[in-house]
Amino acid sequence: MIRAAALRGFAPLVTELGGEPAEYLQRAGLDPAVLGDDEALVPVERFAAALALAGAELDCPHLGLLLSQRQDLEVLGPLAVVLESAPTMGEALHSAERFLFVHSSTAGVQLLPDPRGEPGVIAVELTPADMPLGLELGLGLLHRIAGMFTGGDYGLRGVHLPGPPVATESVYAQVFGAPVRFRTGRGLLRVPATLPEQRLRTGDELLHRMAVQYLETNAATHAATTSGQVTRVLAGSLSSNVPLIGTVAGLLGLHPRTLQRRLAAEGTTFAQVLDEVRRDRAYYLIVSTDLPFRQISAQVGLSDPAALTRACRRWFAAPPRALRQAASGAGSPTAPKSAPK
């Protein structure tokens, strides 16, 4: 899930491009009312589908990049206070690693060695990398926030994007002002190794401690749920193998029976969480890509297109082809019925 604040700027941008924001949201399975409620939680895949549909039909495949230029730190809600008050960039990045789930349950950020091995350079990687417009939005926003914190030029050395370019070189230059490499399989910013030591102009250690304590005692309960942890693990492993409770439990450092008990205490089961992850991922792939249904079946861990069709009828009361036609404007734009939670 992701906070609806991530859609800030979507409506005016789409309108300027000649589209109807509400239509794209509905076709992606979202209620347009979420535009007025920053704290509403929406499925990440449907958020990404709305961006993909609008970008494709408005001939603006770089819509995510454009949207990043209309957003600022405030879209992160309570996390914004934690980041802005951090004494150093390193502490801000560490806080983002700990608490980014407050904004998006599937997003992650981490510091890594420079993938090109250049001395004095490290990387800030943003995940996941399999929803291009959402990733470009995230990297563009991360770049803007880093500039805000450091007073402008923080020494960005380069940008890596997982897929091919979706815009001209001048568009990327305008957004990042640094070389961009494509088809790297990852989304990251290459920055000076000294960046974590840089003090923030907005730093306030007392406020930072209070804001961190607030997230630890309130918002952190959201990420601490076992079902939330299972969701994040499953989201990254659907296409690689058949998710087994023993495998997921091992990744979480739990015995399978312990995992089952904790999920039961939250009113759910491993099978139900897996079904919900498959549902949201399948919906995104069906409505925002032109992948064959056989390939989508494999990517969500189903045996074949027939299994996907049965699942879609159960989840959305419609087969995959009807969902794709509706999203393309060839059918009803009404949001499909979600599977019960």
C-alpha atoms as a PDB file:
ATOM      1  CA  MET A   1       0.000   0.000   0.000  1.00  0.00           C
ATOM      2  CA  ILE A   2       1.023   3.622  -0.521  1.00  0.00           C
ATOM      3  CA  ARG A   3      -0.324   6.866   0.906  1.00  0.00           C
ATOM      4  CA  ALA A   4      -2.504   8.751  -1.559  1.00  0.00           C
ATOM      5  CA  ALA A   5      -0.238  11.763  -1.007  1.00  0.00           C
ATOM      6  CA  ALA A   6       1.991  10.132  -3.648  1.00  0.00           C
ATOM      7  CA  LEU A   7      -0.605  11.331  -6.177  1.00  0.00           C
ATOM      8  CA  ARG A   8      -0.107  15.007  -5.330  1.00  0.00           C
ATOM      9  CA  GLY A   9       0.209  16.948  -8.553  1.00  0.00           C
ATOM     10  CA  PHE A  10      -1.257  14.103 -10.633  1.00  0.00           C
ATOM     11  CA  ALA A  11      -4.585  15.825 -11.346  1.00  0.00           C
ATOM     12  CA  PRO A  12      -3.237  19.191 -12.548  1.00  0.00           C
ATOM     13  CA  LEU A  13      -0.458  17.529 -14.551  1.00  0.00           C
ATOM     14  CA  VAL A  14      -2.831  15.157 -16.329  1.00  0.00           C
ATOM     15  CA  THR A  15      -5.262  18.010 -16.970  1.00  0.00           C
ATOM     16  CA  GLU A  16      -2.488  20.119 -18.510  1.00  0.00           C
ATOM     17  CA  LEU A  17      -1.608  17.192 -20.764  1.00  0.00           C
ATOM     18  CA  GLY A  18      -5.216  17.026 -21.972  1.00  0.00           C
ATOM     19  CA  GLY A  19      -6.464  14.084 -19.926  1.00  0.00           C
ATOM     20  CA  GLU A  20      -9.124  13.426 -17.296  1.00  0.00           C
ATOM     21  CA  PRO A  21      -7.468  12.501 -13.971  1.00  0.00           C
ATOM     22  CA  ALA A  22     -10.557  10.815 -12.526  1.00  0.00           C
ATOM     23  CA  GLU A  23     -10.898   8.568 -15.570  1.00  0.00           C
ATOM     24  CA  TYR A  24      -7.355   7.194 -15.258  1.00  0.00           C
ATOM     25  CA  LEU A  25      -7.777   6.618 -11.545  1.00  0.00           C
ATOM     26  CA  GLN A  26     -11.058   4.759 -12.072  1.00  0.00           C
ATOM     27  CA  ARG A  27      -9.588   2.622 -14.830  1.00  0.00           C
ATOM     28  CA  ALA A  28      -6.715   1.753 -12.520  1.00  0.00           C
ATOM     29  CA  GLY A  29      -9.227   0.618  -9.909  1.00  0.00           C
ATOM     30  CA  LEU A  30      -8.962   3.680  -7.649  1.00  0.00           C
ATOM     31  CA  ASP A  31     -11.650   5.981  -6.299  1.00  0.00           C
ATOM     32  CA  PRO A  32     -10.898   9.556  -7.476  1.00  0.00           C
ATOM     33  CA  ALA A  33     -11.839  10.725  -3.977  1.00  0.00           C
ATOM     34  CA  VAL A  34      -8.381   9.625  -2.801  1.00  0.00           C
ATOM     35  CA  LEU A  35      -7.000  12.785  -4.408  1.00  0.00           C
ATOM     36  CA  GLY A  36      -8.479  14.706  -1.489  1.00  0.00           C
ATOM     37  CA  ASP A  37      -7.208  12.412   1.255  1.00  0.00           C
ATOM     38  CA  ASP A  38      -3.428  12.259   1.620  1.00  0.00           C
ATOM     39  CA  GLU A  39      -3.630   9.601   4.337  1.00  0.00           C
ATOM     40  CA  ALA A  40      -5.787   7.184   2.347  1.00  0.00           C
ATOM     41  CA  LEU A  41      -3.924   3.960   1.586  1.00  0.00           C
ATOM     42  CA  VAL A  42      -4.129   2.617  -1.959  1.00  0.00           C
ATOM     43  CA  PRO A  43      -2.559  -0.496  -3.498  1.00  0.00           C
ATOM     44  CA  VAL A  44       0.885   0.320  -4.891  1.00  0.00           C
ATOM     45  CA  GLU A  45       0.124  -1.588  -8.086  1.00  0.00           C
ATOM     46  CA  ARG A  46      -3.006   0.481  -8.758  1.00  0.00           C
ATOM     47  CA  PHE A  47      -1.133   3.703  -8.075  1.00  0.00           C
ATOM     48  CA  ALA A  48       1.506   2.591 -10.596  1.00  0.00           C
ATOM     49  CA  ALA A  49      -1.193   1.519 -13.057  1.00  0.00           C
ATOM     50  CA  ALA A  50      -2.764   4.991 -12.961  1.00  0.00           C
ATOM     51  CA  LEU A  51       0.599   6.553 -13.820  1.00  0.00           C
ATOM     52  CA  ALA A  52       1.211   4.017 -16.593  1.00  0.00           C
ATOM     53  CA  LEU A  53      -2.227   4.445 -18.175  1.00  0.00           C
ATOM     54  CA  ALA A  54      -2.018   8.236 -18.157  1.00  0.00           C
ATOM     55  CA  GLY A  55       1.556   8.230 -19.416  1.00  0.00           C
ATOM     56  CA  ALA A  56       0.771   5.873 -22.290  1.00  0.00           C
ATOM     57  CA  GLU A  57      -2.411   7.549 -23.511  1.00  0.00           C
ATOM     58  CA  LEU A  58      -1.174  11.128 -23.125  1.00  0.00           C
ATOM     59  CA  ASP A  59       2.072  10.346 -24.969  1.00  0.00           C
ATOM     60  CA  CYS A  60       4.020  11.198 -21.837  1.00  0.00           C
ATOM     61  CA  PRO A  61       6.024   8.096 -20.850  1.00  0.00           C
ATOM     62  CA  HIS A  62       8.125  10.272 -18.521  1.00  0.00           C
ATOM     63  CA  LEU A  63       5.068  11.288 -16.491  1.00  0.00           C
ATOM     64  CA  GLY A  64       6.725   9.984 -13.320  1.00  0.00           C
ATOM     65  CA  LEU A  65       9.674  12.343 -13.808  1.00  0.00           C
ATOM     66  CA  LEU A  66       7.377  15.303 -14.431  1.00  0.00           C
ATOM     67  CA  LEU A  67       5.317  14.476 -11.366  1.00  0.00           C
ATOM     68  CA  SER A  68       8.449  14.352  -9.204  1.00  0.00           C
ATOM     69  CA  GLN A  69       9.071  18.008 -10.060  1.00  0.00           C
ATOM     70  CA  ARG A  70       5.665  18.940  -8.642  1.00  0.00           C
ATOM     71  CA  GLN A  71       6.169  17.237  -5.312  1.00  0.00           C
ATOM     72  CA  ASP A  72       8.264  17.996  -2.274  1.00  0.00           C
ATOM     73  CA  LEU A  73       9.061  16.633   1.167  1.00  0.00           C
ATOM     74  CA  GLU A  74       5.504  17.194   2.405  1.00  0.00           C
ATOM     75  CA  VAL A  75       4.177  14.222   0.445  1.00  0.00           C
ATOM     76  CA  LEU A  76       5.931  11.957   2.965  1.00  0.00           C
ATOM     77  CA  GLY A  77       3.640  13.026   5.816  1.00  0.00           C
ATOM     78  CA  PRO A  78       4.995  12.314   9.317  1.00  0.00           C
ATOM     79  CA  LEU A  79       8.190  10.912   7.829  1.00  0.00           C
ATOM     80  CA  ALA A  80       8.969  14.372   6.450  1.00  0.00           C
ATOM     81  CA  VAL A  81       9.529  15.766   9.950  1.00  0.00           C
ATOM     82  CA  VAL A  82      11.929  12.939  10.797  1.00  0.00           C
ATOM     83  CA  LEU A  83      13.986  13.484   7.651  1.00  0.00           C
ATOM     84  CA  GLU A  84      14.010  17.271   7.696  1.00  0.00           C
ATOM     85  CA  SER A  85      15.088  17.470  11.345  1.00  0.00           C
ATOM     86  CA  ALA A  86      17.908  14.914  11.023  1.00  0.00           C
ATOM     87  CA  PRO A  87      21.286  16.424  11.928  1.00  0.00           C
ATOM     88  CA  THR A  88      23.099  14.884   8.938  1.00  0.00           C
ATOM     89  CA  MET A  89      22.312  13.386   5.555  1.00  0.00           C
ATOM     90  CA  GLY A  90      23.479  10.040   6.890  1.00  0.00           C
ATOM     91  CA  GLU A  91      20.942  10.150   9.697  1.00  0.00           C
ATOM     92  CA  ALA A  92      18.233  11.241   7.257  1.00  0.00           C
ATOM     93  CA  LEU A  93      19.021   8.296   4.972  1.00  0.00           C
ATOM     94  CA  HIS A  94      19.122   5.913   7.927  1.00  0.00           C
ATOM     95  CA  SER A  95      15.704   7.197   9.020  1.00  0.00           C
ATOM     96  CA  ALA A  96      14.391   6.696   5.490  1.00  0.00           C
ATOM     97  CA  GLU A  97      15.650   3.102   5.574  1.00  0.00           C
ATOM     98  CA  ARG A  98      13.803   2.526   8.852  1.00  0.00           C
ATOM     99  CA  PHE A  99      10.562   4.330   8.202  1.00  0.00           C
ATOM    100  CA  LEU A 100       9.883   4.615   4.458  1.00  0.00           C
ATOM    101  CA  PHE A 101       7.218   1.928   4.939  1.00  0.00           C
ATOM    102  CA  VAL A 102       5.089   4.632   6.595  1.00  0.00           C
ATOM    103  CA  HIS A 103       4.655   6.167   3.143  1.00  0.00           C
ATOM    104  CA  SER A 104       4.844   3.024   0.993  1.00  0.00           C
ATOM    105  CA  SER A 105       4.746  -0.514   2.318  1.00  0.00           C
ATOM    106  CA  THR A 106       6.832  -1.911  -0.545  1.00  0.00           C
ATOM    107  CA  ALA A 107       9.402   0.853  -1.059  1.00  0.00           C
ATOM    108  CA  GLY A 108      12.910   0.672   0.319  1.00  0.00           C
ATOM    109  CA  VAL A 109      16.063   2.781   0.304  1.00  0.00           C
ATOM    110  CA  GLN A 110      19.593   1.702   1.145  1.00  0.00           C
ATOM    111  CA  LEU A 111      23.212   2.833   0.907  1.00  0.00           C
ATOM    112  CA  LEU A 112      25.466   0.629  -1.230  1.00  0.00           C
ATOM    113  CA  PRO A 113      28.988   0.642  -2.664  1.00  0.00           C
ATOM    114  CA  ASP A 114      29.231   2.418  -6.003  1.00  0.00           C
ATOM    115  CA  PRO A 115      28.207  -0.078  -8.730  1.00  0.00           C
ATOM    116  CA  ARG A 116      30.928   1.362 -10.978  1.00  0.00           C
ATOM    117  CA  GLY A 117      33.585   1.046  -8.301  1.00  0.00           C
ATOM    118  CA  GLU A 118      34.640   4.688  -8.457  1.00  0.00           C
ATOM    119  CA  PRO A 119      36.638   5.775  -5.387  1.00  0.00           C
ATOM    120  CA  GLY A 120      34.885   8.315  -3.192  1.00  0.00           C
ATOM    121  CA  VAL A 121      31.437   7.428  -4.527  1.00  0.00           C
ATOM    122  CA  ILE A 122      28.561   5.453  -2.998  1.00  0.00           C
ATOM    123  CA  ALA A 123      25.033   4.685  -4.170  1.00  0.00           C
ATOM    124  CA  VAL A 124      21.590   5.356  -2.753  1.00  0.00           C
ATOM    125  CA  GLU A 125      19.310   2.657  -4.182  1.00  0.00           C
ATOM    126  CA  LEU A 126      15.533   2.895  -4.306  1.00  0.00           C
ATOM    127  CA  THR A 127      13.432  -0.260  -4.619  1.00  0.00           C
ATOM    128  CA  PRO A 128      11.434  -1.914  -6.094  1.00  0.00           C
ATOM    129  CA  ALA A 129      12.635  -1.378  -9.657  1.00  0.00           C
ATOM    130  CA  ASP A 130       9.836  -3.136 -11.562  1.00  0.00           C
ATOM    131  CA  MET A 131       7.347  -0.237 -11.874  1.00  0.00           C
ATOM    132  CA  PRO A 132       9.198   2.259 -14.105  1.00  0.00           C
ATOM    133  CA  LEU A 133       7.089   5.399 -13.709  1.00  0.00           C
ATOM    134  CA  GLY A 134       6.808   4.961  -9.958  1.00  0.00           C
ATOM    135  CA  LEU A 135      10.565   4.425  -9.664  1.00  0.00           C
ATOM    136  CA  GLU A 136      11.380   7.505 -11.734  1.00  0.00           C
ATOM    137  CA  LEU A 137       8.963   9.506  -9.595  1.00  0.00           C
ATOM    138  CA  GLY A 138      10.705   8.246  -6.463  1.00  0.00           C
ATOM    139  CA  LEU A 139      14.234   8.935  -7.708  1.00  0.00           C
ATOM    140  CA  GLY A 140      13.278  12.376  -8.965  1.00  0.00           C
ATOM    141  CA  LEU A 141      11.732  13.219  -5.604  1.00  0.00           C
ATOM    142  CA  LEU A 142      14.724  11.800  -3.699  1.00  0.00           C
ATOM    143  CA  HIS A 143      17.017  14.008  -5.786  1.00  0.00           C
ATOM    144  CA  ARG A 144      14.889  17.091  -5.079  1.00  0.00           C
ATOM    145  CA  ILE A 145      14.785  16.400  -1.349  1.00  0.00           C
ATOM    146  CA  ALA A 146      18.559  15.900  -1.173  1.00  0.00           C
ATOM    147  CA  GLY A 147      18.993  19.267  -2.862  1.00  0.00           C
ATOM    148  CA  MET A 148      16.584  20.924  -0.428  1.00  0.00           C
ATOM    149  CA  PHE A 149      18.453  19.515   2.557  1.00  0.00           C
ATOM    150  CA  THR A 150      21.916  20.514   1.363  1.00  0.00           C
ATOM    151  CA  GLY A 151      21.174  23.872  -0.201  1.00  0.00           C
ATOM    152  CA  GLY A 152      21.249  22.818  -3.831  1.00  0.00           C
ATOM    153  CA  ASP A 153      24.140  20.917  -5.398  1.00  0.00           C
ATOM    154  CA  TYR A 154      24.952  17.878  -3.262  1.00  0.00           C
ATOM    155  CA  GLY A 155      27.378  16.427  -5.798  1.00  0.00           C
ATOM    156  CA  LEU A 156      25.241  13.922  -7.706  1.00  0.00           C
ATOM    157  CA  ARG A 157      27.633  11.889  -9.865  1.00  0.00           C
ATOM    158  CA  GLY A 158      25.120   9.942 -11.901  1.00  0.00           C
ATOM    159  CA  VAL A 159      21.842   8.056 -12.044  1.00  0.00           C
ATOM    160  CA  HIS A 160      21.159   4.407 -12.864  1.00  0.00           C
ATOM    161  CA  LEU A 161      17.753   3.351 -14.176  1.00  0.00           C
ATOM    162  CA  PRO A 162      16.670  -0.273 -14.673  1.00  0.00           C
ATOM    163  CA  GLY A 163      15.076   0.048 -18.099  1.00  0.00           C
ATOM    164  CA  PRO A 164      15.462   1.901 -21.405  1.00  0.00           C
ATOM    165  CA  PRO A 165      15.041   5.689 -21.645  1.00  0.00           C
ATOM    166  CA  VAL A 166      11.436   6.853 -21.912  1.00  0.00           C
ATOM    167  CA  ALA A 167      12.250  10.486 -22.681  1.00  0.00           C
ATOM    168  CA  THR A 168      14.885  12.568 -24.440  1.00  0.00           C
ATOM    169  CA  GLU A 169      18.286  13.179 -22.913  1.00  0.00           C
ATOM    170  CA  SER A 170      17.325  16.798 -22.248  1.00  0.00           C
ATOM    171  CA  VAL A 171      14.431  15.740 -19.997  1.00  0.00           C
ATOM    172  CA  TYR A 172      16.693  13.627 -17.796  1.00  0.00           C
ATOM    173  CA  ALA A 173      19.311  16.390 -17.787  1.00  0.00           C
ATOM    174  CA  GLN A 174      16.707  18.908 -16.656  1.00  0.00           C
ATOM    175  CA  VAL A 175      15.552  16.686 -13.795  1.00  0.00           C
ATOM    176  CA  PHE A 176      18.873  15.302 -12.554  1.00  0.00           C
ATOM    177  CA  GLY A 177      21.621  17.481 -14.020  1.00  0.00           C
ATOM    178  CA  ALA A 178      23.938  14.447 -14.103  1.00  0.00           C
ATOM    179  CA  PRO A 179      24.713  11.525 -16.459  1.00  0.00           C
ATOM    180  CA  VAL A 180      22.019   8.848 -16.602  1.00  0.00           C
ATOM    181  CA  ARG A 181      22.733   5.204 -17.453  1.00  0.00           C
ATOM    182  CA  PHE A 182      19.908   2.961 -18.629  1.00  0.00           C
ATOM    183  CA  ARG A 183      19.185  -0.778 -18.611  1.00  0.00           C
ATOM    184  CA  THR A 184      21.194  -1.284 -15.421  1.00  0.00           C
ATOM    185  CA  GLY A 185      18.514  -3.332 -13.683  1.00  0.00           C
ATOM    186  CA  ARG A 186      18.524  -0.966 -10.699  1.00  0.00           C
ATOM    187  CA  GLY A 187      17.314   2.476  -9.702  1.00  0.00           C
ATOM    188  CA  LEU A 188      19.894   4.515  -7.803  1.00  0.00           C
ATOM    189  CA  LEU A 189      21.708   7.808  -7.356  1.00  0.00           C
ATOM    190  CA  ARG A 190      25.529   7.840  -7.317  1.00  0.00           C
ATOM    191  CA  VAL A 191      26.649  10.359  -4.701  1.00  0.00           C
ATOM    192  CA  PRO A 192      29.856  11.447  -2.920  1.00  0.00           C
ATOM    193  CA  ALA A 193      30.943   9.075  -0.159  1.00  0.00           C
ATOM    194  CA  THR A 194      31.125  12.127   2.110  1.00  0.00           C
ATOM    195  CA  LEU A 195      27.434  12.968   1.632  1.00  0.00           C
ATOM    196  CA  PRO A 196      26.261  11.078   4.766  1.00  0.00           C
ATOM    197  CA  GLU A 197      28.544  13.300   6.863  1.00  0.00           C
ATOM    198  CA  GLN A 198      27.057  16.522   5.507  1.00  0.00           C
ATOM    199  CA  ARG A 199      25.035  18.465   8.052  1.00  0.00           C
ATOM    200  CA  LEU A 200      21.513  19.503   7.140  1.00  0.00           C
ATOM    201  CA  ARG A 201      20.554  23.153   7.160  1.00  0.00           C
ATOM    202  CA  THR A 202      17.210  22.134   8.651  1.00  0.00           C
ATOM    203  CA  GLY A 203      18.650  19.827  11.314  1.00  0.00           C
ATOM    204  CA  ASP A 204      17.164  19.969  14.820  1.00  0.00           C
ATOM    205  CA  GLU A 205      18.306  17.111  17.051  1.00  0.00           C
ATOM    206  CA  LEU A 206      15.602  17.571  19.701  1.00  0.00           C
ATOM    207  CA  LEU A 207      12.817  17.663  17.113  1.00  0.00           C
ATOM    208  CA  HIS A 208      14.397  14.694  15.333  1.00  0.00           C
ATOM    209  CA  ARG A 209      14.385  12.575  18.497  1.00  0.00           C
ATOM    210  CA  MET A 210      10.750  13.482  19.176  1.00  0.00           C
ATOM    211  CA  ALA A 211       9.700  12.716  15.594  1.00  0.00           C
ATOM    212  CA  VAL A 212      11.522   9.372  15.595  1.00  0.00           C
ATOM    213  CA  GLN A 213       9.916   8.465  18.909  1.00  0.00           C
ATOM    214  CA  TYR A 214       6.508   9.285  17.455  1.00  0.00           C
ATOM    215  CA  LEU A 215       7.042   6.947  14.512  1.00  0.00           C
ATOM    216  CA  GLU A 216       8.487   4.244  16.743  1.00  0.00           C
ATOM    217  CA  THR A 217       5.458   4.290  19.041  1.00  0.00           C
ATOM    218  CA  ASN A 218       2.717   4.987  16.515  1.00  0.00           C
ATOM    219  CA  ALA A 219       3.338   4.590  12.797  1.00  0.00           C
ATOM    220  CA  ALA A 220       5.894   1.829  13.300  1.00  0.00           C
ATOM    221  CA  THR A 221       3.146  -0.506  14.437  1.00  0.00           C
ATOM    222  CA  HIS A 222       1.985  -0.596  10.809  1.00  0.00           C
ATOM    223  CA  ALA A 223       5.288  -1.989   9.578  1.00  0.00           C
ATOM    224  CA  ALA A 224       5.680  -4.246  12.573  1.00  0.00           C
ATOM    225  CA  THR A 225       2.680  -6.325  11.550  1.00  0.00           C
ATOM    226  CA  THR A 226       3.638  -9.805  10.504  1.00  0.00           C
ATOM    227  CA  SER A 227       1.278  -9.632   7.532  1.00  0.00           C
ATOM    228  CA  GLY A 228       3.044  -6.470   6.358  1.00  0.00           C
ATOM    229  CA  GLN A 229       6.426  -8.181   6.553  1.00  0.00           C
ATOM    230  CA  VAL A 230       5.110 -11.217   4.678  1.00  0.00           C
ATOM    231  CA  THR A 231       3.625  -8.939   2.019  1.00  0.00           C
ATOM    232  CA  ARG A 232       6.983  -7.277   1.392  1.00  0.00           C
ATOM    233  CA  VAL A 233       8.771 -10.629   1.096  1.00  0.00           C
ATOM    234  CA  LEU A 234       6.156 -12.075  -1.250  1.00  0.00           C
ATOM    235  CA  ALA A 235       6.064  -8.963  -3.436  1.00  0.00           C
ATOM    236  CA  GLY A 236       9.683  -9.553  -4.355  1.00  0.00           C
ATOM    237  CA  SER A 237       9.496 -13.289  -4.943  1.00  0.00           C
ATOM    238  CA  LEU A 238       6.287 -14.108  -6.813  1.00  0.00           C
ATOM    239  CA  SER A 239       7.918 -14.721 -10.182  1.00  0.00           C
ATOM    240  CA  SER A 240      11.031 -16.508  -8.932  1.00  0.00           C
ATOM    241  CA  ASN A 241       9.409 -19.573  -7.392  1.00  0.00           C
ATOM    242  CA  VAL A 242       6.301 -20.867  -5.690  1.00  0.00           C
ATOM    243  CA  PRO A 243       6.248 -18.995  -2.368  1.00  0.00           C
ATOM    244  CA  LEU A 244       6.317 -21.451   0.524  1.00  0.00           C
ATOM    245  CA  ILE A 245       5.533 -20.519   4.085  1.00  0.00           C
ATOM    246  CA  GLY A 246       8.719 -22.232   5.250  1.00  0.00           C
ATOM    247  CA  THR A 247      10.847 -20.127   2.919  1.00  0.00           C
ATOM    248  CA  VAL A 248       9.165 -16.870   3.931  1.00  0.00           C
ATOM    249  CA  ALA A 249       9.350 -17.775   7.609  1.00  0.00           C
ATOM    250  CA  GLY A 250      13.075 -18.445   7.247  1.00  0.00           C
ATOM    251  CA  LEU A 251      13.643 -15.049   5.635  1.00  0.00           C
ATOM    252  CA  LEU A 252      11.864 -13.437   8.586  1.00  0.00           C
ATOM    253  CA  GLY A 253      13.812 -15.489  11.115  1.00  0.00           C
ATOM    254  CA  LEU A 254      10.719 -17.342  12.296  1.00  0.00           C
ATOM    255  CA  HIS A 255       9.583 -20.949  12.572  1.00  0.00           C
ATOM    256  CA  PRO A 256       6.705 -21.649  10.140  1.00  0.00           C
ATOM    257  CA  ARG A 257       4.326 -22.409  13.018  1.00  0.00           C
ATOM    258  CA  THR A 258       5.266 -19.158  14.720  1.00  0.00           C
ATOM    259  CA  LEU A 259       4.544 -17.305  11.488  1.00  0.00           C
ATOM    260  CA  GLN A 260       1.168 -19.034  11.209  1.00  0.00           C
ATOM    261  CA  ARG A 261       0.263 -18.102  14.794  1.00  0.00           C
ATOM    262  CA  ARG A 262       1.217 -14.464  14.322  1.00  0.00           C
ATOM    263  CA  LEU A 263      -0.770 -14.185  11.115  1.00  0.00           C
ATOM    264  CA  ALA A 264      -3.760 -15.812  12.808  1.00  0.00           C
ATOM    265  CA  ALA A 265      -3.513 -13.260  15.622  1.00  0.00           C
ATOM    266  CA  GLU A 266      -3.841 -10.545  12.966  1.00  0.00           C
ATOM    267  CA  GLY A 267      -6.915 -12.237  11.521  1.00  0.00           C
ATOM    268  CA  THR A 268      -5.314 -13.562   8.366  1.00  0.00           C
ATOM    269  CA  THR A 269      -3.378 -16.522   6.957  1.00  0.00           C
ATOM    270  CA  PHE A 270      -0.341 -17.018   4.754  1.00  0.00           C
ATOM    271  CA  ALA A 271      -2.590 -18.162   1.909  1.00  0.00           C
ATOM    272  CA  GLN A 272      -4.744 -15.036   2.207  1.00  0.00           C
ATOM    273  CA  VAL A 273      -1.758 -12.670   2.217  1.00  0.00           C
ATOM    274  CA  LEU A 274      -0.293 -14.488  -0.798  1.00  0.00           C
ATOM    275  CA  ASP A 275      -3.623 -14.248  -2.597  1.00  0.00           C
ATOM    276  CA  GLU A 276      -3.814 -10.484  -1.980  1.00  0.00           C
ATOM    277  CA  VAL A 277      -0.261  -9.921  -3.209  1.00  0.00           C
ATOM    278  CA  ARG A 278      -1.017 -11.941  -6.350  1.00  0.00           C
ATOM    279  CA  ARG A 279      -4.262 -10.046  -6.893  1.00  0.00           C
ATOM    280  CA  ASP A 280      -2.665  -6.603  -6.759  1.00  0.00           C
ATOM    281  CA  ARG A 281       0.338  -7.597  -8.857  1.00  0.00           C
ATOM    282  CA  ALA A 282      -1.830  -9.287 -11.489  1.00  0.00           C
ATOM    283  CA  TYR A 283      -4.080  -6.244 -11.741  1.00  0.00           C
ATOM    284  CA  TYR A 284      -1.126  -3.934 -12.329  1.00  0.00           C
ATOM    285  CA  LEU A 285       0.328  -6.168 -15.053  1.00  0.00           C
ATOM    286  CA  ILE A 286      -3.030  -6.693 -16.771  1.00  0.00           C
ATOM    287  CA  VAL A 287      -4.140  -3.066 -16.979  1.00  0.00           C
ATOM    288  CA  SER A 288      -0.839  -1.196 -17.382  1.00  0.00           C
ATOM    289  CA  THR A 289       1.225  -3.505 -19.613  1.00  0.00           C
ATOM    290  CA  ASP A 290       0.639  -5.431 -22.828  1.00  0.00           C
ATOM    291  CA  LEU A 291       2.319  -8.591 -21.546  1.00  0.00           C
ATOM    292  CA  PRO A 292       0.695 -11.840 -22.738  1.00  0.00           C
ATOM    293  CA  PHE A 293      -1.519 -13.437 -20.108  1.00  0.00           C
ATOM    294  CA  ARG A 294       0.704 -16.519 -20.060  1.00  0.00           C
ATOM    295  CA  GLN A 295       3.639 -14.343 -19.016  1.00  0.00           C
ATOM    296  CA  ILE A 296       1.549 -12.549 -16.404  1.00  0.00           C
ATOM    297  CA  SER A 297       0.470 -15.914 -15.009  1.00  0.00           C
ATOM    298  CA  ALA A 298       4.111 -16.865 -14.538  1.00  0.00           C
ATOM    299  CA  GLN A 299       5.016 -13.524 -12.983  1.00  0.00           C
ATOM    300  CA  VAL A 300       2.371 -13.857 -10.282  1.00  0.00           C
ATOM    301  CA  GLY A 301       3.126 -17.513  -9.610  1.00  0.00           C
ATOM    302  CA  LEU A 302       0.100 -19.102 -11.292  1.00  0.00           C
ATOM    303  CA  SER A 303       0.373 -22.201 -13.454  1.00  0.00           C
ATOM    304  CA  ASP A 304      -1.200 -20.958 -16.689  1.00  0.00           C
ATOM    305  CA  PRO A 305      -3.636 -18.419 -18.209  1.00  0.00           C
ATOM    306  CA  ALA A 306      -6.604 -20.567 -17.205  1.00  0.00           C
ATOM    307  CA  ALA A 307      -5.561 -20.290 -13.559  1.00  0.00           C
ATOM    308  CA  LEU A 308      -5.199 -16.522 -14.017  1.00  0.00           C
ATOM    309  CA  THR A 309      -8.684 -16.307 -15.513  1.00  0.00           C
ATOM    310  CA  ARG A 310     -10.217 -18.233 -12.608  1.00  0.00           C
ATOM    311  CA  ALA A 311      -8.395 -16.056 -10.108  1.00  0.00           C
ATOM    312  CA  CYS A 312      -9.469 -12.820 -11.821  1.00  0.00           C
ATOM    313  CA  ARG A 313     -13.105 -13.906 -11.870  1.00  0.00           C
ATOM    314  CA  ARG A 314     -12.849 -14.520  -8.126  1.00  0.00           C
ATOM    315  CA  TRP A 315     -10.950 -11.299  -7.400  1.00  0.00           C
ATOM    316  CA  PHE A 316     -12.651  -8.863  -9.759  1.00  0.00           C
ATOM    317  CA  ALA A 317     -15.725 -10.688 -11.115  1.00  0.00           C
ATOM    318  CA  ALA A 318     -14.208 -10.320 -14.601  1.00  0.00           C
ATOM    319  CA  PRO A 319     -11.656 -12.198 -16.750  1.00  0.00           C
ATOM    320  CA  PRO A 320      -8.246 -10.667 -17.570  1.00  0.00           C
ATOM    321  CA  ARG A 321      -9.221  -9.677 -21.109  1.00  0.00           C
ATOM    322  CA  ALA A 322     -12.219  -7.693 -19.869  1.00  0.00           C
ATOM    323  CA  LEU A 323     -10.070  -5.903 -17.290  1.00  0.00           C
ATOM    324  CA  ARG A 324      -7.554  -4.934 -19.965  1.00  0.00           C
ATOM    325  CA  GLN A 325     -10.279  -3.752 -22.329  1.00  0.00           C
ATOM    326  CA  ALA A 326     -11.878  -1.648 -19.591  1.00  0.00           C
ATOM    327  CA  ALA A 327      -8.537  -0.085 -18.680  1.00  0.00           C
ATOM    328  CA  SER A 328      -7.841   0.733 -22.339  1.00  0.00           C
ATOM    329  CA  GLY A 329     -11.170   2.497 -22.625  1.00  0.00           C
ATOM    330  CA  ALA A 330     -12.744  -0.255 -24.721  1.00  0.00           C
ATOM    331  CA  GLY A 331     -15.029  -1.295 -21.910  1.00  0.00           C
ATOM    332  CA  SER A 332     -16.541   0.020 -18.720  1.00  0.00           C
ATOM    333  CA  PRO A 333     -14.132   2.216 -16.745  1.00  0.00           C
ATOM    334  CA  THR A 334     -15.752   1.263 -13.475  1.00  0.00           C
ATOM    335  CA  ALA A 335     -13.253   0.080 -10.885  1.00  0.00           C
ATOM    336  CA  PRO A 336     -13.288  -3.700 -10.526  1.00  0.00           C
ATOM    337  CA  LYS A 337     -14.434  -5.371  -7.384  1.00  0.00           C
ATOM    338  CA  SER A 338     -11.556  -6.147  -5.049  1.00  0.00           C
ATOM    339  CA  ALA A 339     -11.231  -9.482  -3.342  1.00  0.00           C
ATOM    340  CA  PRO A 340     -12.382  -9.414   0.266  1.00  0.00           C
ATOM    341  CA  LYS A 341      -9.642  -8.886   2.824  1.00  0.00           C
END
